[in-house]
Amino acid sequence: MIPEFHPAAELELEAAAPAGEEIETGLGAELSAEAQRLVSLLCGLPRIGTPLGAGYRRFPLTRSPYALIYRTDGVRLQVVAVAHRRQRPNYWRSRL
């Protein structure tokens, strides 16, 4: 499967990293690296995320309050959001 980030999801990941650094030195870089590892994992096992309806799934990052929101079409795994799990639920649903 080919991984693809929605442009807004890329911006969210870029914004989450500095926020992690403010909490703990190295946490921002760890968050970015974990997101990339999870995308690779999800490309091989796309059904392991929690179903959210309408073909979307969520998979949490371990040391941060963020989760990858993604969908697949059989060929691509598209990350549509890097969403904070406690803020603005479902804001990403309008992304195609």
C-alpha atoms as a PDB file:
ATOM      1  CA  MET A   1       0.000   0.000   0.000  1.00  0.00           C
ATOM      2  CA  ILE A   2       1.201   3.501  -0.784  1.00  0.00           C
ATOM      3  CA  PRO A   3       1.111   5.955   2.158  1.00  0.00           C
ATOM      4  CA  GLU A   4      -0.167   9.461   1.553  1.00  0.00           C
ATOM      5  CA  PHE A   5      -0.710  12.369   3.956  1.00  0.00           C
ATOM      6  CA  HIS A   6      -3.486  14.883   3.393  1.00  0.00           C
ATOM      7  CA  PRO A   7      -1.796  18.328   3.259  1.00  0.00           C
ATOM      8  CA  ALA A   8      -3.635  19.396   6.428  1.00  0.00           C
ATOM      9  CA  ALA A   9      -2.491  16.214   8.217  1.00  0.00           C
ATOM     10  CA  GLU A  10       1.121  17.055   7.332  1.00  0.00           C
ATOM     11  CA  LEU A  11       0.667  20.503   8.873  1.00  0.00           C
ATOM     12  CA  GLU A  12      -0.889  18.969  11.995  1.00  0.00           C
ATOM     13  CA  LEU A  13       2.067  16.623  12.426  1.00  0.00           C
ATOM     14  CA  GLU A  14       4.494  19.511  11.939  1.00  0.00           C
ATOM     15  CA  ALA A  15       2.630  21.521  14.601  1.00  0.00           C
ATOM     16  CA  ALA A  16       2.430  18.626  17.068  1.00  0.00           C
ATOM     17  CA  ALA A  17       6.194  18.059  17.144  1.00  0.00           C
ATOM     18  CA  PRO A  18       7.140  21.465  18.666  1.00  0.00           C
ATOM     19  CA  ALA A  19       4.309  21.098  21.171  1.00  0.00           C
ATOM     20  CA  GLY A  20       5.845  17.790  22.265  1.00  0.00           C
ATOM     21  CA  GLU A  21       9.253  19.436  22.650  1.00  0.00           C
ATOM     22  CA  GLU A  22       7.739  21.937  25.074  1.00  0.00           C
ATOM     23  CA  ILE A  23       6.582  19.061  27.269  1.00  0.00           C
ATOM     24  CA  GLU A  24       9.781  17.019  27.148  1.00  0.00           C
ATOM     25  CA  THR A  25      13.020  17.357  25.201  1.00  0.00           C
ATOM     26  CA  GLY A  26      13.042  14.848  22.354  1.00  0.00           C
ATOM     27  CA  LEU A  27       9.302  14.140  22.505  1.00  0.00           C
ATOM     28  CA  GLY A  28       8.574  16.107  19.329  1.00  0.00           C
ATOM     29  CA  ALA A  29      11.086  14.132  17.283  1.00  0.00           C
ATOM     30  CA  GLU A  30       9.804  10.922  18.853  1.00  0.00           C
ATOM     31  CA  LEU A  31       6.243  11.840  17.888  1.00  0.00           C
ATOM     32  CA  SER A  32       7.232  12.420  14.254  1.00  0.00           C
ATOM     33  CA  ALA A  33       9.225   9.192  14.087  1.00  0.00           C
ATOM     34  CA  GLU A  34       6.400   7.211  15.684  1.00  0.00           C
ATOM     35  CA  ALA A  35       3.883   8.613  13.201  1.00  0.00           C
ATOM     36  CA  GLN A  36       6.084   7.444  10.320  1.00  0.00           C
ATOM     37  CA  ARG A  37       6.524   3.979  11.889  1.00  0.00           C
ATOM     38  CA  LEU A  38       2.781   3.658  12.407  1.00  0.00           C
ATOM     39  CA  VAL A  39       2.062   4.626   8.821  1.00  0.00           C
ATOM     40  CA  SER A  40       4.377   1.819   7.700  1.00  0.00           C
ATOM     41  CA  LEU A  41       2.648  -0.603  10.071  1.00  0.00           C
ATOM     42  CA  LEU A  42      -0.798   0.476   8.888  1.00  0.00           C
ATOM     43  CA  CYS A  43       0.192   0.000   5.245  1.00  0.00           C
ATOM     44  CA  GLY A  44       0.744  -3.678   6.031  1.00  0.00           C
ATOM     45  CA  LEU A  45      -2.146  -4.079   8.494  1.00  0.00           C
ATOM     46  CA  PRO A  46      -4.697  -1.395   7.592  1.00  0.00           C
ATOM     47  CA  ARG A  47      -7.588  -2.963   9.505  1.00  0.00           C
ATOM     48  CA  ILE A  48      -5.969  -2.743  12.960  1.00  0.00           C
ATOM     49  CA  GLY A  49      -7.261   0.772  13.587  1.00  0.00           C
ATOM     50  CA  THR A  50     -10.559   1.410  15.345  1.00  0.00           C
ATOM     51  CA  PRO A  51     -13.363   1.897  12.791  1.00  0.00           C
ATOM     52  CA  LEU A  52     -14.943   5.355  12.843  1.00  0.00           C
ATOM     53  CA  GLY A  53     -17.552   4.855  10.127  1.00  0.00           C
ATOM     54  CA  ALA A  54     -17.598   5.923   6.470  1.00  0.00           C
ATOM     55  CA  GLY A  55     -14.348   3.994   5.853  1.00  0.00           C
ATOM     56  CA  TYR A  56     -12.243   5.939   8.365  1.00  0.00           C
ATOM     57  CA  ARG A  57     -10.142   4.392  11.136  1.00  0.00           C
ATOM     58  CA  ARG A  58      -8.172   5.747  14.084  1.00  0.00           C
ATOM     59  CA  PHE A  59      -4.868   4.506  15.492  1.00  0.00           C
ATOM     60  CA  PRO A  60      -3.390   6.246  18.571  1.00  0.00           C
ATOM     61  CA  LEU A  61       0.193   7.329  19.040  1.00  0.00           C
ATOM     62  CA  THR A  62       1.577   5.936  22.288  1.00  0.00           C
ATOM     63  CA  ARG A  63       3.289   8.816  24.117  1.00  0.00           C
ATOM     64  CA  SER A  64       1.098  11.659  22.989  1.00  0.00           C
ATOM     65  CA  PRO A  65      -2.595  12.544  22.907  1.00  0.00           C
ATOM     66  CA  TYR A  66      -2.675  12.294  19.107  1.00  0.00           C
ATOM     67  CA  ALA A  67      -4.064   9.660  16.779  1.00  0.00           C
ATOM     68  CA  LEU A  68      -3.739   9.013  13.066  1.00  0.00           C
ATOM     69  CA  ILE A  69      -7.074   9.182  11.272  1.00  0.00           C
ATOM     70  CA  TYR A  70      -6.853   7.307   7.992  1.00  0.00           C
ATOM     71  CA  ARG A  71      -8.702   5.482   5.255  1.00  0.00           C
ATOM     72  CA  THR A  72      -7.696   3.058   2.544  1.00  0.00           C
ATOM     73  CA  ASP A  73      -8.847   2.383  -0.985  1.00  0.00           C
ATOM     74  CA  GLY A  74      -7.009  -0.909  -1.521  1.00  0.00           C
ATOM     75  CA  VAL A  75      -3.967   0.784  -3.061  1.00  0.00           C
ATOM     76  CA  ARG A  76      -3.391   3.853  -0.876  1.00  0.00           C
ATOM     77  CA  LEU A  77      -3.420   4.503   2.838  1.00  0.00           C
ATOM     78  CA  GLN A  78      -4.381   8.148   3.232  1.00  0.00           C
ATOM     79  CA  VAL A  79      -3.754   9.819   6.579  1.00  0.00           C
ATOM     80  CA  VAL A  80      -6.437  12.502   6.683  1.00  0.00           C
ATOM     81  CA  ALA A  81      -5.616  13.908  10.136  1.00  0.00           C
ATOM     82  CA  VAL A  82      -3.171  13.824  13.008  1.00  0.00           C
ATOM     83  CA  ALA A  83      -5.872  14.590  15.540  1.00  0.00           C
ATOM     84  CA  HIS A  84      -5.678  15.390  19.220  1.00  0.00           C
ATOM     85  CA  ARG A  85      -7.860  12.779  20.900  1.00  0.00           C
ATOM     86  CA  ARG A  86      -9.509  15.247  23.313  1.00  0.00           C
ATOM     87  CA  GLN A  87      -9.966  18.353  21.203  1.00  0.00           C
ATOM     88  CA  ARG A  88     -12.339  19.179  18.340  1.00  0.00           C
ATOM     89  CA  PRO A  89     -13.783  15.713  17.685  1.00  0.00           C
ATOM     90  CA  ASN A  90     -14.616  14.893  14.066  1.00  0.00           C
ATOM     91  CA  TYR A  91     -13.323  18.208  12.676  1.00  0.00           C
ATOM     92  CA  TRP A  92     -11.479  16.247   9.984  1.00  0.00           C
ATOM     93  CA  ARG A  93     -14.608  14.583   8.487  1.00  0.00           C
ATOM     94  CA  SER A  94     -14.895  17.142   5.707  1.00  0.00           C
ATOM     95  CA  ARG A  95     -11.481  16.215   4.260  1.00  0.00           C
ATOM     96  CA  LEU A  96     -11.471  14.147   1.094  1.00  0.00           C
END
